[in-house]
């Protein structure tokens, strides 16, 4: 068991939101795994290509994505991924929850004077 002191909180957050980020990428158009990796690698959310394949397999099992094999002029056939209606519902629900979560964290991380103002009060250090 790894102690909480040695875990990187950003890694844990990334792990928790990665599937929803993939769904968001696929929302606009279907894609194959390497293109998903390429799109997400510029954001810093996807740190290794080996992460995407097990994630996509889990997302297929959850019926969040469907797949289709297509011939490729550049080599072997590619498996394309598309978001399903179930995946879109999961993404919409996550997006609502994420907004509330993000706002709550931002409010707590803000300097205390800004927090007090946001809560409708004033800071009194006396």
N, C-alpha and C. Protein backbone atom coordinates (compact mmCIF):
# COMPACT_ATOMS: atom_id res chain seq x y z
N UNK A 1 0.84 -1.18 0.00
CA UNK A 1 0.00 0.00 0.00
C UNK A 1 0.88 1.24 0.00
N UNK A 2 0.52 2.21 -0.85
CA UNK A 2 1.28 3.45 -0.97
C UNK A 2 0.67 4.46 -0.02
N UNK A 3 1.52 5.13 0.75
CA UNK A 3 1.01 6.13 1.68
C UNK A 3 0.53 7.35 0.90
N UNK A 4 -0.40 8.07 1.49
CA UNK A 4 -0.94 9.25 0.82
C UNK A 4 0.12 10.33 0.65
N UNK A 5 1.18 10.28 1.46
CA UNK A 5 2.25 11.26 1.35
C UNK A 5 3.05 11.10 0.07
N UNK A 6 3.13 9.89 -0.48
CA UNK A 6 3.93 9.67 -1.68
C UNK A 6 3.11 9.78 -2.95
N UNK A 7 1.80 9.87 -2.85
CA UNK A 7 0.95 10.00 -4.04
C UNK A 7 0.94 11.44 -4.50
N UNK A 8 0.97 11.61 -5.80
CA UNK A 8 0.88 12.93 -6.39
C UNK A 8 -0.60 13.25 -6.59
N UNK A 9 -1.11 14.29 -5.94
CA UNK A 9 -2.54 14.59 -6.05
C UNK A 9 -2.96 14.91 -7.49
N UNK A 10 -2.09 15.51 -8.27
CA UNK A 10 -2.44 15.80 -9.66
C UNK A 10 -2.56 14.52 -10.48
N UNK A 11 -1.72 13.54 -10.18
CA UNK A 11 -1.81 12.25 -10.85
C UNK A 11 -3.13 11.58 -10.52
N UNK A 12 -3.53 11.65 -9.27
CA UNK A 12 -4.81 11.06 -8.85
C UNK A 12 -5.98 11.77 -9.53
N UNK A 13 -5.95 13.08 -9.59
CA UNK A 13 -7.01 13.82 -10.27
C UNK A 13 -7.05 13.47 -11.75
N UNK A 14 -5.88 13.43 -12.37
CA UNK A 14 -5.79 13.09 -13.79
C UNK A 14 -6.41 11.73 -14.05
N UNK A 15 -6.08 10.77 -13.21
CA UNK A 15 -6.60 9.42 -13.36
C UNK A 15 -8.13 9.41 -13.26
N UNK A 16 -8.66 10.26 -12.38
CA UNK A 16 -10.10 10.30 -12.17
C UNK A 16 -10.88 10.96 -13.30
N UNK A 17 -10.26 11.86 -14.04
CA UNK A 17 -10.99 12.60 -15.07
C UNK A 17 -10.64 12.17 -16.49
N UNK A 18 -9.67 11.31 -16.65
CA UNK A 18 -9.16 10.98 -17.98
C UNK A 18 -10.24 10.41 -18.91
N UNK A 19 -11.05 9.51 -18.42
CA UNK A 19 -12.09 8.91 -19.27
C UNK A 19 -13.05 9.98 -19.79
N UNK A 20 -13.37 10.94 -18.94
CA UNK A 20 -14.29 11.99 -19.35
C UNK A 20 -13.64 12.94 -20.35
N UNK A 21 -12.35 13.13 -20.24
CA UNK A 21 -11.63 13.92 -21.23
C UNK A 21 -11.61 13.22 -22.58
N UNK A 22 -11.45 11.90 -22.57
CA UNK A 22 -11.50 11.12 -23.81
C UNK A 22 -12.89 11.24 -24.42
N UNK A 23 -13.93 11.10 -23.60
CA UNK A 23 -15.30 11.25 -24.11
C UNK A 23 -15.48 12.62 -24.75
N UNK A 24 -14.92 13.64 -24.14
CA UNK A 24 -15.04 14.98 -24.69
C UNK A 24 -14.34 15.09 -26.04
N UNK A 25 -13.17 14.47 -26.17
CA UNK A 25 -12.46 14.46 -27.45
C UNK A 25 -13.31 13.76 -28.51
N UNK A 26 -13.95 12.66 -28.13
CA UNK A 26 -14.74 11.88 -29.08
C UNK A 26 -16.11 12.48 -29.36
N UNK A 27 -16.52 13.42 -28.54
CA UNK A 27 -17.85 14.03 -28.72
C UNK A 27 -17.97 14.69 -30.09
N UNK A 28 -16.91 15.32 -30.56
CA UNK A 28 -16.99 16.04 -31.83
C UNK A 28 -16.78 15.13 -33.04
N UNK A 29 -15.95 14.10 -32.88
CA UNK A 29 -15.76 13.16 -33.99
C UNK A 29 -15.08 11.88 -33.49
N UNK A 30 -15.39 10.79 -34.18
CA UNK A 30 -14.76 9.53 -33.81
C UNK A 30 -13.29 9.58 -34.19
N UNK A 31 -12.50 8.74 -33.51
CA UNK A 31 -11.06 8.79 -33.70
C UNK A 31 -10.44 7.46 -33.33
N UNK A 32 -9.22 7.24 -33.77
CA UNK A 32 -8.51 6.04 -33.34
C UNK A 32 -7.56 6.42 -32.21
N UNK A 33 -7.08 5.43 -31.48
CA UNK A 33 -6.38 5.65 -30.22
C UNK A 33 -5.19 6.59 -30.36
N UNK A 34 -4.38 6.42 -31.39
CA UNK A 34 -3.20 7.26 -31.50
C UNK A 34 -3.57 8.73 -31.68
N UNK A 35 -4.64 9.02 -32.42
CA UNK A 35 -5.09 10.40 -32.56
C UNK A 35 -5.60 10.97 -31.24
N UNK A 36 -6.24 10.13 -30.43
CA UNK A 36 -6.69 10.57 -29.11
C UNK A 36 -5.47 10.93 -28.27
N UNK A 37 -4.47 10.08 -28.32
CA UNK A 37 -3.23 10.34 -27.58
C UNK A 37 -2.60 11.64 -28.05
N UNK A 38 -2.53 11.83 -29.34
CA UNK A 38 -1.92 13.04 -29.90
C UNK A 38 -2.69 14.29 -29.45
N UNK A 39 -4.00 14.23 -29.48
CA UNK A 39 -4.82 15.36 -29.07
C UNK A 39 -4.62 15.69 -27.59
N UNK A 40 -4.57 14.65 -26.77
CA UNK A 40 -4.51 14.86 -25.33
C UNK A 40 -3.10 15.10 -24.80
N UNK A 41 -2.08 14.67 -25.53
CA UNK A 41 -0.72 14.81 -25.02
C UNK A 41 -0.32 16.27 -24.89
N UNK A 42 -0.86 17.13 -25.73
CA UNK A 42 -0.55 18.55 -25.64
C UNK A 42 -1.15 19.22 -24.41
N UNK A 43 -2.12 18.58 -23.78
CA UNK A 43 -2.78 19.15 -22.61
C UNK A 43 -2.08 18.78 -21.31
N UNK A 44 -1.23 17.76 -21.36
CA UNK A 44 -0.58 17.27 -20.14
C UNK A 44 -1.44 16.28 -19.37
N UNK A 45 -2.62 15.97 -19.88
CA UNK A 45 -3.50 15.04 -19.18
C UNK A 45 -3.13 13.58 -19.43
N UNK A 46 -2.57 13.31 -20.57
CA UNK A 46 -2.20 11.93 -20.91
C UNK A 46 -0.69 11.86 -20.92
N UNK A 47 -0.14 11.09 -19.98
CA UNK A 47 1.32 11.08 -19.83
C UNK A 47 1.99 9.94 -20.57
N UNK A 48 1.25 8.88 -20.91
CA UNK A 48 1.86 7.79 -21.66
C UNK A 48 0.85 7.13 -22.57
N UNK A 49 1.33 6.68 -23.72
CA UNK A 49 0.46 6.03 -24.69
C UNK A 49 -0.12 4.74 -24.14
N UNK A 50 0.62 4.07 -23.26
CA UNK A 50 0.14 2.81 -22.69
C UNK A 50 -1.09 2.97 -21.81
N UNK A 51 -1.38 4.18 -21.39
CA UNK A 51 -2.54 4.45 -20.55
C UNK A 51 -3.85 4.36 -21.33
N UNK A 52 -3.82 4.73 -22.60
CA UNK A 52 -5.06 4.89 -23.36
C UNK A 52 -5.74 3.56 -23.69
N UNK A 53 -4.97 2.52 -23.98
CA UNK A 53 -5.59 1.27 -24.42
C UNK A 53 -6.39 0.57 -23.33
N UNK A 54 -5.86 0.43 -22.12
CA UNK A 54 -6.70 -0.16 -21.06
C UNK A 54 -7.91 0.72 -20.73
N UNK A 55 -7.71 2.04 -20.81
CA UNK A 55 -8.82 2.96 -20.54
C UNK A 55 -9.92 2.78 -21.59
N UNK A 56 -9.55 2.73 -22.86
CA UNK A 56 -10.55 2.55 -23.91
C UNK A 56 -11.26 1.20 -23.79
N UNK A 57 -10.53 0.17 -23.36
CA UNK A 57 -11.15 -1.14 -23.16
C UNK A 57 -12.20 -1.06 -22.04
N UNK A 58 -11.88 -0.37 -20.95
CA UNK A 58 -12.86 -0.20 -19.86
C UNK A 58 -14.06 0.61 -20.34
N UNK A 59 -13.81 1.61 -21.14
CA UNK A 59 -14.89 2.45 -21.64
C UNK A 59 -15.80 1.66 -22.59
N UNK A 60 -15.22 0.72 -23.34
CA UNK A 60 -16.05 -0.17 -24.18
C UNK A 60 -16.91 -1.07 -23.31
N UNK A 61 -16.32 -1.61 -22.24
CA UNK A 61 -17.09 -2.48 -21.33
C UNK A 61 -18.23 -1.72 -20.66
N UNK A 62 -18.01 -0.45 -20.37
CA UNK A 62 -19.05 0.39 -19.76
C UNK A 62 -20.07 0.87 -20.78
N UNK A 63 -19.81 0.56 -22.05
CA UNK A 63 -20.63 0.99 -23.18
C UNK A 63 -20.66 2.51 -23.31
N UNK A 64 -19.54 3.15 -22.98
CA UNK A 64 -19.41 4.59 -23.17
C UNK A 64 -18.89 4.90 -24.57
N UNK A 65 -18.20 3.92 -25.19
CA UNK A 65 -17.72 4.07 -26.56
C UNK A 65 -18.04 2.80 -27.34
N UNK A 66 -18.19 2.99 -28.64
CA UNK A 66 -18.32 1.84 -29.54
C UNK A 66 -17.10 1.87 -30.46
N UNK A 67 -16.84 0.75 -31.12
CA UNK A 67 -15.66 0.69 -31.98
C UNK A 67 -16.03 0.16 -33.36
N UNK A 68 -15.16 0.49 -34.30
CA UNK A 68 -15.33 0.07 -35.68
C UNK A 68 -13.94 -0.04 -36.30
N UNK A 69 -13.65 -1.19 -36.92
CA UNK A 69 -12.36 -1.38 -37.58
C UNK A 69 -12.44 -0.79 -38.99
N UNK A 70 -11.37 -0.06 -39.37
CA UNK A 70 -11.31 0.53 -40.71
C UNK A 70 -9.93 0.32 -41.31
N UNK A 71 -9.92 0.12 -42.60
CA UNK A 71 -8.66 0.01 -43.31
C UNK A 71 -7.92 1.34 -43.26
N UNK A 72 -6.60 1.25 -43.27
CA UNK A 72 -5.76 2.45 -43.25
C UNK A 72 -4.77 2.39 -44.40
N UNK A 73 -4.63 3.50 -45.10
CA UNK A 73 -3.65 3.58 -46.18
C UNK A 73 -2.23 3.59 -45.63
N UNK A 74 -2.10 3.90 -44.33
CA UNK A 74 -0.77 4.02 -43.72
C UNK A 74 -0.32 2.75 -43.01
N UNK A 75 -1.07 1.66 -43.12
CA UNK A 75 -0.66 0.44 -42.44
C UNK A 75 -1.84 -0.46 -42.14
N UNK A 76 -1.77 -1.18 -41.02
CA UNK A 76 -2.84 -2.13 -40.70
C UNK A 76 -4.16 -1.41 -40.37
N UNK A 77 -5.26 -2.15 -40.34
CA UNK A 77 -6.55 -1.54 -40.00
C UNK A 77 -6.47 -0.88 -38.61
N UNK A 78 -7.29 0.14 -38.44
CA UNK A 78 -7.32 0.88 -37.18
C UNK A 78 -8.70 0.73 -36.54
N UNK A 79 -8.69 0.67 -35.21
CA UNK A 79 -9.95 0.63 -34.47
C UNK A 79 -10.34 2.07 -34.15
N UNK A 80 -11.47 2.49 -34.68
CA UNK A 80 -11.99 3.83 -34.40
C UNK A 80 -12.98 3.76 -33.25
N UNK A 81 -12.95 4.79 -32.42
CA UNK A 81 -13.81 4.88 -31.24
C UNK A 81 -14.79 6.02 -31.44
N UNK A 82 -16.03 5.78 -31.04
CA UNK A 82 -17.07 6.81 -31.08
C UNK A 82 -17.80 6.80 -29.75
N UNK A 83 -18.20 7.96 -29.28
CA UNK A 83 -18.93 8.04 -28.02
C UNK A 83 -20.37 7.57 -28.26
N UNK A 84 -20.90 6.83 -27.31
CA UNK A 84 -22.27 6.32 -27.40
C UNK A 84 -23.21 7.27 -26.64
N UNK A 85 -24.51 7.01 -26.75
CA UNK A 85 -25.49 7.80 -26.00
C UNK A 85 -25.23 7.68 -24.50
N UNK A 86 -24.88 6.48 -24.05
CA UNK A 86 -24.56 6.28 -22.62
C UNK A 86 -23.32 7.08 -22.23
N UNK A 87 -22.33 7.12 -23.11
CA UNK A 87 -21.13 7.90 -22.85
C UNK A 87 -21.42 9.39 -22.79
N UNK A 88 -22.30 9.87 -23.67
CA UNK A 88 -22.68 11.28 -23.64
C UNK A 88 -23.42 11.64 -22.35
N UNK A 89 -24.28 10.74 -21.89
CA UNK A 89 -24.98 10.99 -20.62
C UNK A 89 -23.98 11.06 -19.46
N UNK A 90 -23.01 10.12 -19.47
CA UNK A 90 -21.98 10.12 -18.42
C UNK A 90 -21.17 11.41 -18.47
N UNK A 91 -20.83 11.86 -19.67
CA UNK A 91 -20.05 13.09 -19.83
C UNK A 91 -20.85 14.30 -19.37
N UNK A 92 -22.12 14.36 -19.72
CA UNK A 92 -22.96 15.49 -19.30
C UNK A 92 -23.08 15.54 -17.78
N UNK A 93 -23.30 14.38 -17.17
CA UNK A 93 -23.40 14.32 -15.71
C UNK A 93 -22.08 14.74 -15.06
N UNK A 94 -20.97 14.22 -15.58
CA UNK A 94 -19.66 14.59 -15.05
C UNK A 94 -19.42 16.09 -15.19
N UNK A 95 -19.78 16.65 -16.34
CA UNK A 95 -19.55 18.08 -16.58
C UNK A 95 -20.28 18.94 -15.55
N UNK A 96 -21.52 18.57 -15.22
CA UNK A 96 -22.25 19.31 -14.19
C UNK A 96 -21.57 19.17 -12.84
N UNK A 97 -21.20 17.92 -12.48
CA UNK A 97 -20.54 17.68 -11.20
C UNK A 97 -19.18 18.38 -11.14
N UNK A 98 -18.45 18.35 -12.24
CA UNK A 98 -17.11 18.95 -12.29
C UNK A 98 -17.18 20.45 -12.04
N UNK A 99 -18.15 21.11 -12.64
CA UNK A 99 -18.28 22.56 -12.45
C UNK A 99 -18.46 22.89 -10.99
N UNK A 100 -19.34 22.17 -10.31
CA UNK A 100 -19.56 22.42 -8.88
C UNK A 100 -18.30 22.09 -8.07
N UNK A 101 -17.66 20.98 -8.40
CA UNK A 101 -16.44 20.56 -7.70
C UNK A 101 -15.34 21.60 -7.88
N UNK A 102 -15.12 21.99 -9.13
CA UNK A 102 -14.07 22.97 -9.44
C UNK A 102 -14.32 24.29 -8.72
N UNK A 103 -15.57 24.76 -8.75
CA UNK A 103 -15.89 26.02 -8.07
C UNK A 103 -15.65 25.91 -6.57
N UNK A 104 -16.01 24.78 -5.97
CA UNK A 104 -15.80 24.59 -4.53
C UNK A 104 -14.31 24.59 -4.19
N UNK A 105 -13.52 23.88 -4.97
CA UNK A 105 -12.07 23.83 -4.73
C UNK A 105 -11.45 25.20 -4.94
N UNK A 106 -11.84 25.87 -6.03
CA UNK A 106 -11.30 27.21 -6.29
C UNK A 106 -11.62 28.16 -5.14
N UNK A 107 -12.83 28.07 -4.61
CA UNK A 107 -13.21 28.94 -3.49
C UNK A 107 -12.36 28.67 -2.26
N UNK A 108 -12.05 27.41 -2.01
CA UNK A 108 -11.24 27.07 -0.84
C UNK A 108 -9.76 27.41 -1.03
N UNK A 109 -9.30 27.34 -2.26
CA UNK A 109 -7.89 27.63 -2.53
C UNK A 109 -7.61 29.12 -2.66
N UNK A 110 -8.65 29.92 -2.83
CA UNK A 110 -8.48 31.36 -2.97
C UNK A 110 -7.93 31.92 -1.66
N UNK A 111 -7.20 33.03 -1.75
CA UNK A 111 -6.73 33.67 -0.52
C UNK A 111 -7.92 33.91 0.41
N UNK A 112 -7.66 33.87 1.71
CA UNK A 112 -8.74 33.93 2.69
C UNK A 112 -9.58 35.19 2.57
N UNK A 113 -9.01 36.33 2.22
CA UNK A 113 -9.80 37.56 2.07
C UNK A 113 -10.79 37.41 0.93
N UNK A 114 -10.34 36.81 -0.16
CA UNK A 114 -11.23 36.59 -1.30
C UNK A 114 -12.33 35.59 -0.93
N UNK A 115 -11.97 34.57 -0.12
CA UNK A 115 -12.98 33.59 0.32
C UNK A 115 -14.05 34.27 1.15
N UNK A 116 -13.63 35.12 2.06
CA UNK A 116 -14.59 35.81 2.93
C UNK A 116 -15.51 36.68 2.09
N UNK A 117 -14.96 37.37 1.11
CA UNK A 117 -15.77 38.22 0.23
C UNK A 117 -16.74 37.36 -0.56
N UNK A 118 -16.28 36.23 -1.07
CA UNK A 118 -17.13 35.34 -1.86
C UNK A 118 -18.25 34.77 -1.00
N UNK A 119 -18.00 34.63 0.31
CA UNK A 119 -19.02 34.09 1.21
C UNK A 119 -19.93 35.19 1.75
N UNK A 120 -19.69 36.42 1.33
CA UNK A 120 -20.55 37.51 1.75
C UNK A 120 -20.12 38.17 3.04
N UNK A 121 -18.96 37.84 3.52
CA UNK A 121 -18.48 38.43 4.76
C UNK A 121 -17.24 39.26 4.54
N UNK A 122 -16.67 39.71 5.61
CA UNK A 122 -15.40 40.43 5.54
C UNK A 122 -14.43 39.75 6.48
N UNK A 123 -13.19 39.91 6.21
CA UNK A 123 -12.17 39.28 7.04
C UNK A 123 -11.85 40.19 8.21
N UNK A 124 -11.83 39.61 9.38
CA UNK A 124 -11.53 40.38 10.57
C UNK A 124 -10.45 39.63 11.33
N UNK A 125 -9.22 40.16 11.31
CA UNK A 125 -8.11 39.48 11.97
C UNK A 125 -7.91 39.94 13.42
N UNK A 126 -8.73 40.85 13.89
CA UNK A 126 -8.54 41.41 15.23
C UNK A 126 -8.74 40.41 16.32
